[in-house]
Amino acid sequence: MTAGCQSTGMERSNETRVSLQTMDDDITSAILQLEATNAALGDLIRPGQPDLKKALEIFSNNVAQIVDTETKFTRHADELTARGTDYFEEWQKEGNEYNNPQIQQLSNQRRSILGDVYSQISVKSNSIKDNFKAYVLDVTEIQRFLSNDLSTKGVTAIAPISRRVISEGDSLQHAMHNVQSIIQSARNEMAQSGSGM
C-alpha cells in the first residue's frame, strides 16, 4: 500500500470512529430525553394530578426537546450508515492491493468481522429511527390533544394511549441500550485491528 492510501484509510477510520462516538452520544442523550418525556407524560396523566396546566407545560417542554433529539439522532444515524459503507468499500478496494496472500487473507477476515458488527449497528439504528419517529409523532399528538382539552375527562380519555406510548418509549430505550452494546463491540474489534476506535 502506498503512503497516500494509508493516510486516506486512517482518515476514513477516524471519521468512522467519530461517527460511532457521535451516535453513542446521541443515544445517551435520547435515552435521557425519553426518560424525561415518559416521566412528564406519566405525571400528566396521573390520576388526581393537582396542577394539569403546569404538568402540561413540563410535558410540552419535553416534547419540544424529544423532537430535536429525534431529528439529531436520525441525521447522525444516516451519516453513520453512509460513512460505514464508504469505509468498508474503500477498505475492500485497498485490500485487493496486497501481494502477500496471508496479509490479504487477514485483511479480508478483519474487514468481514468489522463489517458485520458495523452492519448490525446500521440495521438496528434504522429500526430505532422508525420507532423513534412514531414515538415523537405520538407524544406530539398527545400534547396537541391535551392543549385543546386540558380537563380531567380529556386526560382520562387519552390515558390509555399515553400508557401505550410510555411503554413504547421504554422499549425504545431498551433497543438503544442494545445498539450502544454493539457500538462497544465495534470499538473493541477496531481496537484489536489497530484502528483506535
Protein backbone atom coordinates (compact mmCIF):
# COMPACT_ATOMS: atom_id res chain seq x y z
CA MET A 1 0.00 0.00 0.00
CA THR A 2 1.23 3.49 -0.71
CA ALA A 3 1.62 6.10 1.99
CA GLY A 4 -1.24 8.10 0.42
CA CYS A 5 -3.59 5.13 0.70
CA GLN A 6 -2.59 4.55 4.30
CA SER A 7 -3.32 8.16 5.16
CA THR A 8 -6.69 8.01 3.41
CA GLY A 9 -7.51 4.76 5.19
CA MET A 10 -6.52 6.26 8.53
CA GLU A 11 -8.65 9.34 7.83
CA ARG A 12 -11.66 7.16 6.94
CA SER A 13 -11.05 5.09 10.06
CA ASN A 14 -11.03 8.25 12.17
CA GLU A 15 -14.23 9.54 10.51
CA THR A 16 -15.89 6.21 11.23
CA ARG A 17 -14.70 6.33 14.85
CA VAL A 18 -16.09 9.85 15.22
CA SER A 19 -19.40 8.70 13.70
CA LEU A 20 -19.61 5.86 16.22
CA GLN A 21 -18.85 8.24 19.09
CA THR A 22 -21.43 10.75 17.85
CA MET A 23 -24.05 8.01 17.57
CA ASP A 24 -23.21 6.74 21.06
CA ASP A 25 -23.54 10.29 22.43
CA ASP A 26 -26.85 10.75 20.57
CA ILE A 27 -28.16 7.51 22.03
CA THR A 28 -27.20 8.56 25.55
CA SER A 29 -28.98 11.90 25.06
CA ALA A 30 -32.00 10.20 23.52
CA ILE A 31 -32.31 7.72 26.39
CA LEU A 32 -32.20 10.54 28.94
CA GLN A 33 -34.75 12.58 26.99
CA LEU A 34 -37.03 9.56 26.53
CA GLU A 35 -36.92 9.00 30.29
CA ALA A 36 -37.77 12.66 30.94
CA THR A 37 -40.57 12.72 28.36
CA ASN A 38 -42.08 9.48 29.65
CA ALA A 39 -41.89 10.76 33.24
CA ALA A 40 -43.56 14.05 32.28
CA LEU A 41 -46.32 12.23 30.41
CA GLY A 42 -46.80 9.80 33.28
CA ASP A 43 -47.08 12.69 35.71
CA LEU A 44 -49.56 14.49 33.46
CA ILE A 45 -51.93 11.50 33.24
CA ARG A 46 -51.53 10.56 36.90
CA PRO A 47 -55.00 10.28 38.47
CA GLY A 48 -55.65 13.24 40.72
CA GLN A 49 -52.95 15.43 39.13
CA PRO A 50 -53.49 18.68 41.08
CA ASP A 51 -51.95 21.06 38.51
CA LEU A 52 -52.77 19.94 34.97
CA LYS A 53 -51.60 23.23 33.47
CA LYS A 54 -48.11 23.00 34.99
CA ALA A 55 -47.86 19.27 34.17
CA LEU A 56 -48.81 20.00 30.54
CA GLU A 57 -46.22 22.79 30.38
CA ILE A 58 -43.49 20.42 31.61
CA PHE A 59 -44.63 17.72 29.17
CA SER A 60 -44.76 20.23 26.29
CA ASN A 61 -41.18 21.34 27.01
CA ASN A 62 -40.07 17.70 26.94
CA VAL A 63 -41.94 17.11 23.68
CA ALA A 64 -40.06 20.01 22.08
CA GLN A 65 -36.77 18.54 23.30
CA ILE A 66 -37.57 14.99 22.13
CA VAL A 67 -38.43 16.34 18.66
CA ASP A 68 -34.96 17.94 18.45
CA THR A 69 -33.31 14.82 19.87
CA GLU A 70 -35.02 12.57 17.31
CA THR A 71 -34.03 14.85 14.41
CA LYS A 72 -30.39 14.82 15.51
CA PHE A 73 -30.43 11.04 16.06
CA THR A 74 -31.87 10.43 12.58
CA ARG A 75 -29.34 12.71 10.88
CA HIS A 76 -26.40 11.06 12.63
CA ALA A 77 -27.73 7.54 12.03
CA ASP A 78 -27.89 8.32 8.31
CA GLU A 79 -24.36 9.76 8.39
CA LEU A 80 -23.08 6.71 10.28
CA THR A 81 -24.54 4.37 7.67
CA ALA A 82 -23.05 6.38 4.79
CA ARG A 83 -19.60 6.64 6.38
CA GLY A 84 -19.58 2.95 7.25
CA THR A 85 -20.48 1.99 3.71
CA ASP A 86 -17.73 4.22 2.29
CA TYR A 87 -15.19 2.96 4.82
CA PHE A 88 -15.73 -0.72 4.10
CA GLU A 89 -16.00 -0.27 0.31
CA GLU A 90 -12.69 1.60 0.26
CA TRP A 91 -11.10 -0.96 2.57
CA GLN A 92 -12.16 -3.70 0.18
CA LYS A 93 -10.66 -1.82 -2.78
CA GLU A 94 -7.41 -1.17 -0.91
CA GLY A 95 -7.36 -4.71 0.46
CA ASN A 96 -7.04 -6.06 -3.07
CA GLU A 97 -3.58 -4.48 -3.31
CA TYR A 98 -1.75 -6.92 -1.00
CA ASN A 99 0.77 -9.20 -2.69
CA ASN A 100 1.27 -11.37 0.39
CA PRO A 101 -1.65 -13.86 0.48
CA GLN A 102 -1.53 -14.11 4.28
CA ILE A 103 -1.88 -10.35 4.67
CA GLN A 104 -4.64 -10.37 2.05
CA GLN A 105 -6.48 -13.10 3.97
CA LEU A 106 -6.03 -11.25 7.27
CA SER A 107 -7.33 -8.02 5.74
CA ASN A 108 -10.36 -9.80 4.28
CA GLN A 109 -11.04 -11.51 7.61
CA ARG A 110 -10.85 -8.32 9.68
CA ARG A 111 -12.91 -6.37 7.16
CA SER A 112 -15.59 -9.06 7.27
CA ILE A 113 -15.73 -9.16 11.08
CA LEU A 114 -15.83 -5.38 11.42
CA GLY A 115 -18.28 -5.07 8.54
CA ASP A 116 -20.68 -7.47 10.25
CA VAL A 117 -20.56 -5.56 13.53
CA TYR A 118 -20.97 -2.23 11.76
CA SER A 119 -23.85 -3.60 9.70
CA GLN A 120 -25.65 -4.58 12.92
CA ILE A 121 -25.33 -1.00 14.17
CA SER A 122 -26.72 0.37 10.91
CA VAL A 123 -29.67 -2.06 10.74
CA LYS A 124 -30.65 -1.57 14.38
CA SER A 125 -30.21 2.21 14.17
CA ASN A 126 -32.52 2.32 11.16
CA SER A 127 -35.12 0.29 13.05
CA ILE A 128 -34.81 2.66 16.00
CA LYS A 129 -35.21 5.64 13.66
CA ASP A 130 -38.62 4.39 12.54
CA ASN A 131 -39.79 3.63 16.07
CA PHE A 132 -38.40 6.93 17.36
CA LYS A 133 -40.30 8.86 14.66
CA ALA A 134 -43.52 7.05 15.64
CA TYR A 135 -42.94 7.82 19.33
CA VAL A 136 -42.31 11.51 18.60
CA LEU A 137 -45.44 11.69 16.45
CA ASP A 138 -47.48 10.11 19.25
CA VAL A 139 -46.22 12.39 22.03
CA THR A 140 -46.67 15.42 19.77
CA GLU A 141 -50.28 14.44 19.08
CA ILE A 142 -50.95 13.72 22.76
CA GLN A 143 -49.55 17.15 23.60
CA ARG A 144 -51.74 18.78 20.95
CA PHE A 145 -54.83 16.84 22.13
CA LEU A 146 -54.31 17.91 25.73
CA SER A 147 -53.59 21.50 24.73
CA ASN A 148 -57.09 21.52 23.22
CA ASP A 149 -58.79 19.57 26.04
CA LEU A 150 -56.89 20.05 29.29
CA SER A 151 -59.53 18.68 31.59
CA THR A 152 -59.85 15.68 33.87
CA LYS A 153 -62.05 14.00 31.25
CA GLY A 154 -59.60 14.83 28.46
CA VAL A 155 -56.70 13.37 30.46
CA THR A 156 -58.74 10.28 31.34
CA ALA A 157 -59.68 9.80 27.67
CA ILE A 158 -56.07 9.98 26.43
CA ALA A 159 -54.56 7.99 29.34
CA PRO A 160 -54.74 4.50 27.70
CA ILE A 161 -52.95 5.76 24.58
CA SER A 162 -50.47 7.64 26.77
CA ARG A 163 -49.63 4.49 28.76
CA ARG A 164 -49.04 2.59 25.50
CA VAL A 165 -46.74 5.37 24.27
CA ILE A 166 -44.83 5.34 27.57
CA SER A 167 -44.36 1.58 27.14
CA GLU A 168 -43.11 2.13 23.58
CA GLY A 169 -40.68 4.74 24.91
CA ASP A 170 -39.37 2.19 27.40
CA SER A 171 -38.92 -0.36 24.59
CA LEU A 172 -37.13 2.25 22.52
CA GLN A 173 -34.71 2.91 25.38
CA HIS A 174 -34.00 -0.82 25.63
CA ALA A 175 -33.30 -1.02 21.88
CA MET A 176 -30.96 1.97 22.19
CA HIS A 177 -29.04 0.31 25.00
CA ASN A 178 -28.61 -2.72 22.71
CA VAL A 179 -27.14 -0.53 19.97
CA GLN A 180 -24.75 1.00 22.49
CA SER A 181 -23.55 -2.52 23.31
CA ILE A 182 -22.96 -3.20 19.62
CA ILE A 183 -21.09 0.11 19.28
CA GLN A 184 -18.85 -1.01 22.14
CA SER A 185 -18.27 -4.31 20.32
CA ALA A 186 -17.27 -2.36 17.21
CA ARG A 187 -14.86 -0.28 19.26
CA ASN A 188 -13.36 -3.42 20.77
CA GLU A 189 -12.96 -5.03 17.35
CA MET A 190 -11.45 -1.89 15.88
CA ALA A 191 -9.08 -1.50 18.82
CA GLN A 192 -7.91 -5.06 18.13
CA SER A 193 -7.36 -4.13 14.49
CA GLY A 194 -5.38 -1.05 15.50
CA SER A 195 -7.98 1.39 14.19
CA GLY A 196 -8.18 3.07 17.59
CA MET A 197 -11.94 3.03 17.99
